[in-house]
Amino acid sequence: MFQATIDSDTYLALLEPRHAKDLYHIIDASRDHLGAWLAFPEKTTNIADSEAFIKSSLKRFAEDDGYWVGIWHQGQMAGSIGFLYMDQDARKTEIGYWLGSGFAGKGIATKAVTTMINHAFHNLNLNKVEINVATENKKSRAIPERLGFTQEGIIRHYEYLNGVYLDRVIYGLLQSEW
């Protein structure tokens, strides 16, 4: 099972069924904060939805096709981060991440992304990590920019969320650049 210590207050661990209640509650408490940029909060309406998500993530972990881990900070679930897929032929993945509203602005997401990049390049021997972010989500965009990713392009009208089309900026980082 995947687990990684970030610092004395923060660690990552593979989401397990026993985490479903905590996962649901942080999503529910941060629904507006998360829902401005992500579609899943609207679709997560009860603990069973979180259980199904975790079950799916564990299946993908077993099949080496990406997975999500929880982010814990000072003993509380703070959010989640994961590899959205694993492209073994191209040796690349995409990292997705989110934090509950009470945990933003503390550097937790940047540290979690750094930990996942290190794992991707040093343990999984991947060649490339991508991060896709809504163009207007300045806080989330700051993470790949701070970590030296290259902006590779913008996909116009990537998704329809909250009654508007959102564009996505694509960032990429090669193993040789890390």
Protein backbone atom coordinates (compact mmCIF):
# COMPACT_ATOMS: atom_id res chain seq x y z
CA MET A 1 0.00 0.00 0.00
CA PHE A 2 1.15 3.51 -0.78
CA GLN A 3 2.03 5.81 2.10
CA ALA A 4 4.44 8.74 2.22
CA THR A 5 5.42 11.12 5.00
CA ILE A 6 5.58 14.75 3.86
CA ASP A 7 6.60 16.34 7.17
CA SER A 8 5.89 15.92 10.89
CA ASP A 9 2.31 17.19 10.42
CA THR A 10 1.37 15.78 7.01
CA TYR A 11 1.30 12.45 5.22
CA LEU A 12 -0.29 10.74 2.23
CA ALA A 13 -1.90 7.30 2.33
CA LEU A 14 -3.89 5.20 -0.10
CA LEU A 15 -7.61 5.77 0.40
CA GLU A 16 -9.32 2.76 1.97
CA PRO A 17 -13.02 2.01 2.57
CA ARG A 18 -12.65 3.08 6.23
CA HIS A 19 -11.88 6.63 4.99
CA ALA A 20 -15.20 7.06 3.14
CA LYS A 21 -16.94 8.95 5.93
CA ASP A 22 -14.07 11.43 6.40
CA LEU A 23 -13.74 11.87 2.64
CA TYR A 24 -17.44 12.60 2.26
CA HIS A 25 -17.47 15.06 5.16
CA ILE A 26 -14.57 17.14 3.87
CA ILE A 27 -16.13 17.25 0.41
CA ASP A 28 -19.49 18.22 1.90
CA ALA A 29 -17.94 20.93 4.11
CA SER A 30 -16.02 22.34 1.11
CA ARG A 31 -18.68 21.84 -1.56
CA ASP A 32 -18.79 25.48 -2.75
CA HIS A 33 -15.02 25.91 -2.55
CA LEU A 34 -14.35 22.75 -4.58
CA GLY A 35 -17.37 23.00 -6.84
CA ALA A 36 -16.16 26.26 -8.36
CA TRP A 37 -13.50 24.30 -10.29
CA LEU A 38 -14.36 20.59 -10.05
CA ALA A 39 -17.39 18.53 -11.01
CA PHE A 40 -17.17 15.74 -8.41
CA PRO A 41 -18.57 17.64 -5.38
CA GLU A 42 -21.97 17.95 -7.05
CA LYS A 43 -21.93 14.22 -7.76
CA THR A 44 -20.85 13.28 -4.22
CA THR A 45 -24.15 13.36 -2.35
CA ASN A 46 -23.61 10.74 0.37
CA ILE A 47 -21.04 8.49 2.03
CA ALA A 48 -21.87 5.67 -0.39
CA ASP A 49 -20.60 7.87 -3.25
CA SER A 50 -17.26 8.23 -1.44
CA GLU A 51 -17.19 4.47 -0.79
CA ALA A 52 -17.74 3.79 -4.50
CA PHE A 53 -14.99 6.25 -5.44
CA ILE A 54 -12.53 4.60 -3.04
CA LYS A 55 -13.44 1.13 -4.29
CA SER A 56 -12.84 2.26 -7.88
CA SER A 57 -9.52 3.86 -6.91
CA LEU A 58 -8.35 0.66 -5.19
CA LYS A 59 -9.27 -1.36 -8.28
CA ARG A 60 -7.26 1.05 -10.45
CA PHE A 61 -4.35 0.81 -7.98
CA ALA A 62 -4.40 -2.99 -8.28
CA GLU A 63 -4.46 -2.71 -12.08
CA ASP A 64 -1.59 -0.15 -12.11
CA ASP A 65 -3.89 2.40 -13.76
CA GLY A 66 -3.63 5.36 -11.39
CA TYR A 67 -5.10 5.88 -7.92
CA TRP A 68 -6.00 8.48 -5.31
CA VAL A 69 -4.52 8.95 -1.86
CA GLY A 70 -5.74 10.96 1.07
CA ILE A 71 -3.83 13.93 2.42
CA TRP A 72 -3.79 14.06 6.23
CA HIS A 73 -2.66 17.15 8.10
CA GLN A 74 -2.45 17.32 11.89
CA GLY A 75 -4.54 14.16 12.20
CA GLN A 76 -7.37 15.31 9.90
CA MET A 77 -8.16 14.46 6.32
CA ALA A 78 -7.24 17.63 4.43
CA GLY A 79 -7.93 16.57 0.84
CA SER A 80 -6.84 14.14 -1.82
CA ILE A 81 -4.28 13.79 -4.57
CA GLY A 82 -3.83 11.16 -7.20
CA PHE A 83 -2.54 9.85 -10.47
CA LEU A 84 -5.51 10.12 -12.84
CA TYR A 85 -4.13 7.38 -15.09
CA MET A 86 -0.90 5.55 -15.87
CA ASP A 87 0.20 5.50 -19.50
CA GLN A 88 2.84 2.77 -19.39
CA ASP A 89 3.71 3.09 -23.09
CA ALA A 90 4.47 6.80 -22.90
CA ARG A 91 5.60 6.49 -19.24
CA LYS A 92 3.47 9.42 -18.10
CA THR A 93 0.66 10.35 -15.74
CA GLU A 94 -1.46 13.31 -14.72
CA ILE A 95 -1.71 14.51 -11.13
CA GLY A 96 -4.98 15.84 -9.78
CA TYR A 97 -5.36 17.39 -6.33
CA TRP A 98 -7.74 19.27 -4.06
CA LEU A 99 -7.85 20.48 -0.47
CA GLY A 100 -10.74 21.22 1.83
CA SER A 101 -11.37 24.93 2.30
CA GLY A 102 -9.86 25.00 5.79
CA PHE A 103 -6.52 23.64 4.58
CA ALA A 104 -5.79 25.92 1.62
CA GLY A 105 -2.94 28.43 1.74
CA LYS A 106 -0.66 26.41 4.04
CA GLY A 107 1.63 24.89 1.41
CA ILE A 108 0.09 21.44 1.88
CA ALA A 109 -0.90 20.97 -1.78
CA THR A 110 2.54 22.02 -3.06
CA LYS A 111 4.23 19.55 -0.70
CA ALA A 112 1.80 16.78 -1.66
CA VAL A 113 2.35 17.41 -5.40
CA THR A 114 6.13 17.39 -4.83
CA THR A 115 5.86 14.04 -3.04
CA MET A 116 3.80 12.55 -5.87
CA ILE A 117 6.24 13.88 -8.51
CA ASN A 118 9.15 12.30 -6.64
CA HIS A 119 7.25 9.03 -6.46
CA ALA A 120 6.38 9.16 -10.18
CA PHE A 121 9.94 9.84 -11.30
CA HIS A 122 12.00 7.92 -8.74
CA ASN A 123 9.82 4.94 -7.85
CA LEU A 124 7.62 4.46 -10.91
CA ASN A 125 10.30 5.58 -13.39
CA LEU A 126 7.86 7.69 -15.38
CA ASN A 127 9.15 10.17 -17.93
CA LYS A 128 6.46 12.85 -17.68
CA VAL A 129 3.96 14.27 -15.22
CA GLU A 130 1.13 16.53 -16.35
CA ILE A 131 -1.20 18.80 -14.40
CA ASN A 132 -4.37 20.22 -15.98
CA VAL A 133 -6.02 23.19 -14.27
CA ALA A 134 -8.89 25.55 -15.05
CA THR A 135 -7.28 28.70 -16.47
CA GLU A 136 -9.02 30.96 -13.94
CA ASN A 137 -8.04 28.83 -10.92
CA LYS A 138 -5.04 30.97 -9.97
CA LYS A 139 -4.26 29.20 -6.67
CA SER A 140 -4.15 25.77 -8.29
CA ARG A 141 -2.14 27.06 -11.26
CA ALA A 142 0.47 28.48 -8.90
CA ILE A 143 1.53 24.96 -7.87
CA PRO A 144 2.86 23.65 -11.20
CA GLU A 145 4.27 27.10 -11.98
CA ARG A 146 6.11 27.15 -8.63
CA LEU A 147 7.45 23.64 -9.23
CA GLY A 148 8.96 24.37 -12.65
CA PHE A 149 6.35 22.83 -14.96
CA THR A 150 6.14 24.15 -18.52
CA GLN A 151 2.84 25.48 -19.78
CA GLU A 152 2.19 23.34 -22.86
CA GLY A 153 -1.14 24.71 -24.03
CA ILE A 154 -4.72 25.59 -23.31
CA ILE A 155 -7.73 23.46 -24.18
CA ARG A 156 -10.63 25.79 -24.86
CA HIS A 157 -14.05 24.92 -23.42
CA TYR A 158 -12.62 21.81 -21.78
CA GLU A 159 -15.63 21.34 -19.54
CA TYR A 160 -19.04 22.80 -18.78
CA LEU A 161 -19.36 23.56 -15.07
CA ASN A 162 -21.75 25.77 -13.15
CA GLY A 163 -23.35 27.08 -16.31
CA VAL A 164 -20.14 28.18 -18.02
CA TYR A 165 -17.42 26.64 -20.17
CA LEU A 166 -14.03 26.44 -18.49
CA ASP A 167 -10.75 26.37 -20.36
CA ARG A 168 -7.91 24.17 -19.07
CA VAL A 169 -4.21 24.94 -19.08
CA ILE A 170 -1.94 21.93 -19.51
CA TYR A 171 1.37 21.86 -17.66
CA GLY A 172 4.08 19.25 -18.19
CA LEU A 173 7.27 18.27 -16.39
CA LEU A 174 9.83 15.79 -17.70
CA GLN A 175 11.89 13.56 -15.46
CA SER A 176 15.05 15.18 -16.87
CA GLU A 177 13.77 18.60 -15.72
CA TRP A 178 13.15 17.51 -12.14
